[in-house]
Protein backbone atom coordinates (compact mmCIF):
# COMPACT_ATOMS: atom_id res chain seq x y z
CA MET A 1 65.75 -23.33 -25.71
CA ALA A 2 64.54 -19.80 -26.25
CA LYS A 3 61.30 -21.17 -27.82
CA LYS A 4 60.66 -23.38 -24.76
CA SER A 5 61.20 -20.40 -22.46
CA LYS A 6 58.82 -18.32 -24.54
CA LYS A 7 56.14 -21.02 -24.41
CA LEU A 8 56.61 -21.36 -20.65
CA VAL A 9 56.17 -17.61 -20.22
CA GLN A 10 53.04 -17.66 -22.41
CA LYS A 11 51.52 -20.53 -20.40
CA THR A 12 52.37 -18.79 -17.15
CA LEU A 13 50.75 -15.57 -18.35
CA TYR A 14 47.71 -17.53 -19.53
CA PHE A 15 47.22 -19.24 -16.18
CA VAL A 16 47.82 -15.98 -14.32
CA GLY A 17 45.20 -14.32 -16.55
CA VAL A 18 42.73 -17.12 -15.85
CA ILE A 19 43.30 -16.82 -12.11
CA ILE A 20 42.85 -13.04 -12.26
CA CYS A 21 39.59 -13.47 -14.19
CA ILE A 22 38.33 -15.99 -11.63
CA VAL A 23 39.22 -13.64 -8.78
CA ILE A 24 37.43 -10.75 -10.51
CA ILE A 25 34.32 -12.88 -11.14
CA VAL A 26 34.25 -14.07 -7.51
CA PHE A 27 34.74 -10.49 -6.31
CA ILE A 28 31.88 -9.20 -8.46
CA PHE A 29 29.64 -12.05 -7.25
CA LEU A 30 30.39 -11.33 -3.60
CA LEU A 31 29.93 -7.59 -4.17
CA LEU A 32 26.53 -8.13 -5.79
CA LYS A 33 25.51 -10.52 -3.02
CA TYR A 34 26.62 -8.00 -0.40
CA ASN A 35 24.81 -5.12 -2.06
CA SER A 36 21.62 -7.16 -2.49
CA SER A 37 21.45 -7.64 1.28
CA GLN A 38 21.98 -3.97 2.09
CA PRO A 39 19.08 -1.69 2.98
CA PRO A 40 18.18 1.26 0.74
CA ILE A 41 20.26 4.43 1.08
CA ASN A 42 17.26 6.07 2.75
CA ASN A 43 16.34 3.26 5.11
CA GLN A 44 13.94 5.11 7.43
CA ALA A 45 10.93 2.89 6.79
CA LEU A 46 8.73 4.10 9.68
CA VAL A 47 8.27 7.84 10.14
CA GLU A 48 6.43 10.03 12.65
CA TYR A 49 4.73 12.19 10.05
CA ILE A 50 2.92 12.00 6.72
CA PRO A 51 5.45 12.29 3.84
CA ASN A 52 4.97 14.15 0.56
CA PHE A 53 3.01 16.95 2.23
CA GLU A 54 3.15 19.33 -0.72
CA THR A 55 1.84 16.69 -3.14
CA LEU A 56 -0.36 14.77 -0.70
CA THR A 57 -2.50 11.92 -2.05
CA LEU A 58 -4.52 9.16 -0.40
CA VAL A 59 -1.59 6.79 -0.98
CA ASP A 60 0.48 8.83 1.49
CA LEU A 61 -2.11 8.47 4.26
CA PRO A 62 -2.20 5.44 6.60
CA ASN A 63 -5.15 3.74 4.90
CA PHE A 64 -5.81 0.02 5.20
CA THR A 65 -7.45 -2.07 2.49
CA ASP A 66 -7.18 -5.14 4.72
CA PHE A 67 -5.64 -6.25 8.02
CA ARG A 68 -3.01 -9.00 7.91
CA ASP A 69 -1.19 -8.95 11.26
CA VAL A 70 -1.36 -7.17 14.61
CA TYR A 71 1.52 -7.26 17.12
CA ASP A 72 2.00 -5.80 20.62
CA TYR A 73 4.84 -3.32 20.86
CA ASN A 74 5.78 -0.94 23.71
CA GLU A 75 2.18 -0.53 24.96
CA HIS A 76 1.17 0.19 21.36
CA ILE A 77 0.32 -2.15 18.53
CA ILE A 78 1.88 -2.67 15.11
CA VAL A 79 -0.82 -3.13 12.46
CA VAL A 80 0.15 -4.60 9.08
CA GLY A 81 -2.01 -4.58 5.95
CA PHE A 82 -1.45 -4.61 2.22
CA ASN A 83 1.33 -2.06 1.54
CA ARG A 84 0.86 -0.58 5.00
CA VAL A 85 2.58 -0.76 8.40
CA VAL A 86 1.38 1.45 11.28
CA GLU A 87 2.28 1.83 14.93
CA TYR A 88 -0.90 2.82 16.72
CA ASP A 89 -1.68 3.98 20.25
CA ASN A 90 -4.84 2.01 20.85
CA LYS A 91 -5.67 3.68 24.16
CA ASN A 92 -5.66 7.20 22.73
CA ASN A 93 -6.70 6.34 19.14
CA LYS A 94 -3.55 7.96 17.84
CA PHE A 95 -1.11 7.23 15.02
CA ILE A 96 2.51 7.04 16.21
CA ARG A 97 4.40 5.95 13.09
CA ALA A 98 3.59 4.75 9.59
CA ASN A 99 5.59 3.39 6.69
CA ASN A 100 7.00 5.89 4.24
CA PRO A 101 5.80 4.63 0.82
CA GLU A 102 8.95 5.98 -0.84
CA VAL A 103 11.12 3.69 1.32
CA LEU A 104 8.76 0.83 2.18
CA GLY A 105 5.97 1.00 -0.36
CA CYS A 106 5.52 -2.73 -0.85
CA VAL A 107 4.12 -4.89 1.98
CA TYR A 108 2.69 -8.36 1.47
CA ASP A 109 3.05 -10.24 4.76
CA SER A 110 4.99 -9.96 8.01
CA ALA A 111 6.36 -11.68 11.09
CA LYS A 112 7.73 -10.21 14.32
CA ILE A 113 10.68 -11.60 16.25
CA ASP A 114 11.68 -9.64 19.36
CA ASN A 115 11.83 -6.00 18.25
CA PHE A 116 12.37 -6.79 14.58
CA LEU A 117 9.60 -6.78 11.99
CA PHE A 118 10.20 -8.90 8.89
CA VAL A 119 8.18 -7.74 5.88
CA SER A 120 7.86 -9.56 2.57
CA CYS A 121 7.46 -7.59 -0.63
CA ASN A 122 6.37 -8.92 -4.01
CA SER A 123 7.29 -6.68 -6.92
CA HIS A 124 4.99 -8.42 -9.39
CA PHE A 125 1.81 -10.48 -9.23
CA PRO A 126 0.54 -13.15 -11.63
CA ASP A 127 -2.52 -11.12 -12.55
CA GLU A 128 -0.52 -8.15 -13.81
CA LYS A 129 -1.14 -7.34 -17.47
CA PHE A 130 2.55 -7.01 -18.32
CA LEU A 131 6.03 -7.78 -17.10
CA PRO A 132 9.30 -6.13 -18.10
CA GLU A 133 10.28 -6.64 -21.72
CA THR A 134 13.62 -7.99 -20.52
CA LYS A 135 11.91 -11.31 -19.75
CA THR A 136 12.84 -11.01 -16.09
CA ILE A 137 11.00 -10.59 -12.80
CA ILE A 138 12.21 -9.65 -9.35
CA ALA A 139 11.76 -12.34 -6.72
CA SER A 140 10.19 -11.47 -3.39
CA LYS A 141 12.22 -9.40 -0.97
CA ILE A 142 12.21 -9.55 2.80
CA TYR A 143 13.03 -6.41 4.76
CA LYS A 144 14.22 -6.59 8.35
CA ILE A 145 13.05 -3.51 10.25
CA ASP A 146 14.33 -2.49 13.67
CA LEU A 147 11.16 -1.30 15.39
CA ASN A 148 13.14 0.71 17.92
CA THR A 149 14.58 2.96 15.20
CA GLY A 150 12.07 2.32 12.39
CA LYS A 151 14.97 1.64 10.02
CA ILE A 152 15.50 -1.16 7.52
CA VAL A 153 18.66 -2.88 8.74
CA LYS A 154 18.84 -5.67 6.18
CA GLN A 155 17.32 -6.93 2.95
CA TYR A 156 17.11 -10.58 1.92
CA PHE A 157 16.54 -12.05 -1.55
CA GLY A 158 15.09 -9.83 -4.29
CA ASN A 159 17.16 -11.45 -7.03
CA GLU A 160 16.38 -10.90 -10.69
CA LEU A 161 14.97 -14.07 -12.23
CA LEU A 162 15.10 -14.98 -15.90
CA ILE A 163 11.82 -16.16 -17.39
CA ALA A 164 12.13 -19.19 -19.65
CA PRO A 165 11.23 -18.33 -23.27
CA SER A 166 8.72 -21.18 -23.32
CA ILE A 167 6.69 -19.66 -20.46
CA ASP A 168 4.00 -17.08 -21.10
CA ARG A 169 5.08 -13.97 -19.20
CA HIS A 170 1.44 -13.32 -18.21
CA SER A 171 1.01 -16.76 -16.67
CA ALA A 172 1.10 -17.53 -12.97
CA SER A 173 3.51 -20.38 -13.79
CA VAL A 174 6.21 -17.71 -14.10
CA PHE A 175 6.15 -17.46 -10.33
CA LYS A 176 6.27 -21.19 -9.70
CA THR A 177 9.97 -21.45 -10.46
CA LYS A 178 12.08 -23.46 -8.08
CA GLY A 179 13.81 -21.11 -5.69
CA ALA A 180 11.87 -18.02 -6.79
CA ARG A 181 10.49 -17.39 -3.30
CA SER A 182 7.48 -15.59 -4.79
CA ASN A 183 4.51 -14.33 -2.75
CA LEU A 184 6.24 -15.08 0.53
CA ILE A 185 3.96 -15.77 3.48
CA LEU A 186 5.79 -15.28 6.78
CA GLY A 187 5.52 -16.78 10.24
CA SER A 188 7.80 -17.09 13.24
CA ARG A 189 8.48 -19.14 16.33
CA GLY A 190 11.37 -18.28 18.62
CA ASN A 191 14.33 -17.15 16.52
CA ILE A 192 13.11 -18.99 13.43
CA LEU A 193 11.53 -17.12 10.52
CA TYR A 194 9.37 -19.34 8.31
CA MET A 195 8.91 -18.36 4.67
CA GLY A 196 6.23 -20.09 2.62
CA SER A 197 5.76 -19.82 -1.14
CA TRP A 198 4.73 -21.92 -4.13
CA ASP A 199 8.15 -23.53 -3.84
CA GLY A 200 7.49 -24.88 -0.36
CA VAL A 201 8.53 -23.63 3.07
CA GLU A 202 11.99 -22.51 4.12
CA LYS A 203 13.13 -21.49 7.55
CA MET A 204 15.85 -19.07 8.59
CA ASP A 205 17.61 -18.80 11.92
CA ILE A 206 17.77 -15.01 12.27
CA VAL A 207 20.88 -15.23 14.49
CA SER A 208 23.06 -17.30 12.15
CA GLU A 209 20.96 -16.39 9.06
CA LYS A 210 21.24 -19.99 7.93
CA ILE A 211 18.41 -20.96 5.56
CA THR A 212 17.18 -24.54 5.26
CA LEU A 213 14.28 -26.18 3.45
CA TYR A 214 11.49 -27.17 5.81
CA SER A 215 9.09 -28.75 3.35
CA HIS A 216 8.46 -29.15 -0.35
CA PRO A 217 5.28 -27.73 -1.98
CA ASN A 218 2.02 -29.22 -0.62
CA GLU A 219 3.94 -31.27 1.91
CA LEU A 220 4.26 -30.93 5.68
CA LYS A 221 6.71 -32.76 7.89
CA PRO A 222 5.44 -35.08 10.65
CA GLY A 223 4.49 -33.10 13.73
CA ASN A 224 3.48 -30.03 11.70
CA GLU A 225 5.93 -27.58 13.21
CA LEU A 226 4.02 -24.77 11.47
CA SER A 227 0.87 -25.23 13.52
CA GLY A 228 -0.30 -22.02 15.17
CA ILE A 229 1.99 -19.53 13.44
CA GLY A 230 -0.52 -18.54 10.75
CA LEU A 231 1.52 -19.71 7.77
CA GLY A 232 -0.76 -20.33 4.82
CA SER A 233 -1.12 -19.27 1.20
CA PRO A 234 -3.23 -17.25 1.01
CA ARG A 235 -4.62 -16.66 4.47
CA PRO A 236 -8.43 -16.52 4.32
CA ASP A 237 -8.64 -14.25 7.38
CA TRP A 238 -6.95 -11.26 5.76
CA PHE A 239 -10.24 -9.62 4.83
CA ALA A 240 -12.22 -11.04 7.74
CA MET A 241 -9.65 -10.19 10.40
CA ASN A 242 -11.09 -8.11 13.21
CA PRO A 243 -8.16 -6.30 14.83
CA PRO A 244 -8.46 -4.61 18.23
CA ILE A 245 -8.58 -1.24 16.47
CA LYS A 246 -10.52 0.27 13.64
CA PRO A 247 -8.20 2.81 12.01
CA PRO A 248 -10.11 5.29 9.89
CA VAL A 249 -10.25 4.98 6.13
CA PHE A 250 -9.35 8.33 4.59
CA LYS A 251 -11.64 9.08 1.66
CA SER A 252 -10.90 12.54 0.29
CA ILE A 253 -8.41 15.39 0.71
CA SER A 254 -9.28 19.09 0.46
CA PRO A 255 -7.08 21.64 -1.28
CA LEU A 256 -4.33 23.05 0.93
CA HIS A 257 -5.86 25.87 3.00
CA HIS A 258 -3.83 28.14 5.30
CA GLY A 259 -1.13 25.50 5.62
CA LYS A 260 -3.54 22.65 6.38
CA TYR A 261 -5.38 19.91 4.56
CA TYR A 262 -8.82 18.77 5.68
CA ILE A 263 -9.49 15.07 5.18
CA LEU A 264 -12.83 13.28 5.09
CA ALA A 265 -12.64 9.85 6.73
CA THR A 266 -15.01 7.06 7.74
CA ASP A 267 -15.15 8.38 11.30
CA GLY A 268 -15.25 12.11 10.68
CA VAL A 269 -13.04 14.99 9.57
CA TYR A 270 -9.31 15.42 10.21
CA ASN A 271 -6.90 18.23 9.58
CA LEU A 272 -3.25 17.76 8.68
CA SER A 273 -0.33 20.12 9.15
CA GLU A 274 3.14 19.52 7.76
CA GLY A 275 5.30 17.18 9.84
CA GLN A 276 2.33 15.61 11.64
CA PHE A 277 -0.27 12.88 11.41
CA PRO A 278 -3.96 13.71 10.77
CA GLN A 279 -5.77 15.09 13.84
CA LYS A 280 -9.50 14.50 14.21
CA ILE A 281 -11.56 17.68 14.55
CA ILE A 282 -15.09 16.36 13.90
CA ASP A 283 -16.45 12.99 14.96
CA SER A 284 -19.07 11.65 12.54
CA LYS A 285 -19.81 8.43 10.70
CA ILE A 286 -19.25 8.79 6.95
CA GLU A 287 -20.61 6.03 4.71
CA ALA A 288 -20.12 7.58 1.26
CA ALA A 289 -18.03 5.42 -1.04
CA ASP A 290 -16.69 7.79 -3.69
CA ILE A 291 -15.95 11.37 -2.64
CA ASN A 292 -13.80 12.91 -5.35
CA LYS A 293 -14.51 16.64 -5.26
CA SER A 294 -13.98 19.37 -2.67
CA THR A 295 -13.82 23.16 -2.45
CA PHE A 296 -13.68 25.95 0.12
CA SER A 297 -16.07 28.89 0.18
CA GLN A 298 -14.59 32.26 -0.72
CA ASN A 299 -14.46 33.39 2.91
CA GLY A 300 -12.80 30.09 3.99
CA GLN A 301 -15.51 29.27 6.54
CA TYR A 302 -17.10 26.39 4.67
CA LEU A 303 -15.72 23.27 3.02
CA VAL A 304 -17.70 21.03 0.68
CA PHE A 305 -16.92 17.37 -0.10
CA LEU A 306 -19.02 15.57 -2.70
CA GLY A 307 -19.13 12.65 -5.10
CA PRO A 308 -21.55 10.43 -7.01
CA ALA A 309 -23.92 8.16 -5.06
CA ILE A 310 -24.95 5.17 -7.12
CA GLU A 311 -26.85 2.16 -5.81
CA GLN A 312 -26.49 -1.02 -7.87
CA ASN A 313 -27.59 -4.62 -7.65
CA GLN A 314 -25.73 -7.18 -9.77
CA GLY A 315 -24.59 -4.49 -12.18
CA GLN A 316 -28.03 -2.88 -12.51
CA ILE A 317 -28.48 0.71 -11.32
CA LEU A 318 -31.32 1.16 -8.86
CA SER A 319 -30.78 4.80 -7.93
CA TYR A 320 -28.29 7.62 -8.32
CA GLY A 321 -27.64 10.96 -6.77
CA VAL A 322 -24.94 12.81 -4.84
CA ASP A 323 -23.13 12.26 -1.57
CA ALA A 324 -22.30 15.70 -0.17
CA TYR A 325 -20.99 17.02 3.15
CA LEU A 326 -20.86 20.65 4.28
CA ILE A 327 -18.27 21.48 6.95
CA ASP A 328 -18.26 24.68 8.97
CA ILE A 329 -14.56 25.15 9.77
CA ASN A 330 -15.19 27.82 12.42
CA LYS A 331 -17.81 25.83 14.33
CA GLN A 332 -16.18 22.46 13.52
CA ASP A 333 -19.53 21.09 12.49
CA LEU A 334 -20.50 18.69 9.69
CA ILE A 335 -23.85 18.50 7.89
CA ASP A 336 -24.75 15.58 5.62
CA LEU A 337 -26.37 17.06 2.51
CA SER A 338 -26.61 13.73 0.68
CA ARG A 339 -29.68 13.22 -1.44
CA GLU A 340 -30.95 10.19 -3.29
CA ILE A 341 -33.06 11.97 -5.87
CA LYS A 342 -33.67 9.61 -8.78
CA ARG A 343 -34.99 6.10 -9.12
CA VAL A 344 -34.30 4.29 -12.37
CA SER A 345 -35.50 1.10 -13.99
CA ASN A 346 -33.42 -2.07 -14.14
CA ALA A 347 -33.05 -1.44 -17.86
CA LYS A 348 -30.49 1.28 -17.14
CA THR A 349 -26.87 0.30 -17.69
CA GLN A 350 -23.45 1.02 -16.27
CA SER A 351 -23.03 3.80 -18.84
CA LEU A 352 -25.42 5.96 -16.82
CA SER A 353 -23.27 5.46 -13.76
CA ASP A 354 -20.21 6.48 -15.75
CA GLN A 355 -21.95 9.61 -17.03
CA ILE A 356 -22.89 10.76 -13.55
CA SER A 357 -19.43 10.05 -12.14
CA ASP A 358 -17.66 11.76 -15.04
CA LYS A 359 -19.82 14.88 -14.84
CA ILE A 360 -19.09 15.35 -11.16
CA LYS A 361 -15.40 14.46 -11.48
CA ASP A 362 -14.84 16.79 -14.46
CA GLY A 363 -17.07 19.58 -13.15
CA TYR A 364 -15.85 22.88 -11.72
CA PHE A 365 -17.01 25.11 -8.86
CA GLU A 366 -18.25 28.68 -8.91
CA GLU A 367 -19.59 30.76 -6.00
CA ALA A 368 -22.03 33.68 -6.09
CA ASP A 369 -24.11 35.29 -3.34
CA GLY A 370 -23.33 32.59 -0.76
CA VAL A 371 -24.14 29.72 -3.09
CA ILE A 372 -21.59 27.24 -4.46
CA TYR A 373 -22.41 25.85 -7.90
CA LEU A 374 -20.96 22.75 -9.56
CA LYS A 375 -21.01 23.11 -13.35
CA ASP A 376 -20.15 20.78 -16.18
CA SER A 377 -17.85 21.50 -19.12
CA ASP A 378 -20.75 23.10 -21.01
CA ASN A 379 -21.37 25.54 -18.14
CA ASN A 380 -24.58 23.77 -17.13
CA ILE A 381 -25.37 23.79 -13.40
CA LEU A 382 -25.24 20.26 -11.99
CA LEU A 383 -26.02 21.21 -8.39
CA SER A 384 -25.99 24.13 -5.99
CA ILE A 385 -25.28 24.41 -2.27
CA ASP A 386 -26.79 27.26 -0.27
CA LEU A 387 -24.16 27.72 2.45
CA ALA A 388 -26.17 29.77 4.93
CA ASN A 389 -29.19 27.43 4.79
CA SER A 390 -27.19 24.19 4.39
CA ARG A 391 -29.29 23.18 1.39
CA LEU A 392 -28.34 21.07 -1.61
CA ASP A 393 -30.33 21.28 -4.87
CA ILE A 394 -29.61 19.08 -7.88
CA SER A 395 -30.55 20.27 -11.34
CA GLU A 396 -32.86 18.07 -13.35
């Protein structure tokens, strides 16, 4: 009798243990699911200033490499490009807000529903040279941003996916896994958010957040409900899109000078103080492609931007020289000192281009008697700029 009671107690404890384990597993699953949908601790995605002022780089500035979407918002427009979201006052050519790369540094595509902006983010791309050694990738995320506050209010997806051992981690097939939701292209109509990927198209009712499959890969339902919402993979108009604005492309940043940076852009020169957006001080068209060097004169009146100017045709160098701009800070005036000084034969190779670029990039400035010199590592003068006469001379 005592043995039967002991066995009964053991079975009871076993089943209780199993139930407790199941409860713990379910709790952990729900907790992970809950946490995966929560926004980052710092969820202020759109800010009214340029972040990282002390360590400012071109990545921190509201540059666009392409234009993907433009939306009307509160008499302004929201412009979305690769890794970039900007609210822009089109009437006054003024930045209002931009994404903080430390909070929202990954932007692939977007869709707007009411005052919410949905942004897809892809952590990895098939053409990357490596993936984590853990044989996993992170599926695409979607951030829901409240445009009124600029905050991320919810995150969808972003699960960690295990790569099958039989699949080459460098292959695009990694991303064609059922349910991966990779490279999400977004579109919207009414309260429905459409999400297209290599796995087909899903749609989500943003009120109930119910997700259903709309179509399988390479298949559209009769009636083509997606017509007119710009859902495609990839969209061919991303690089050809002509938005109603032309935000400047910021090319080069000066050293910090009396609490301000001076920034060379495609439409002129801007200055930037902490807690602000760049303010244009000189209006001028700048066509130089690679400006990677800048310095102030000793008295702080002049600022020089320069970089290599190399003309090529199908990989063959036709000419090379220097793109240089002299800025008078006091007069807020810009002088183009650029010179194309050498013609070369088609027999020249890319190595010459690399030599010129490296010499300028690795060179250092010296100033004497109102002349700024750029010298190479062997102390040879590469070029000189006569500040008073606004003259550039390049050493042979």
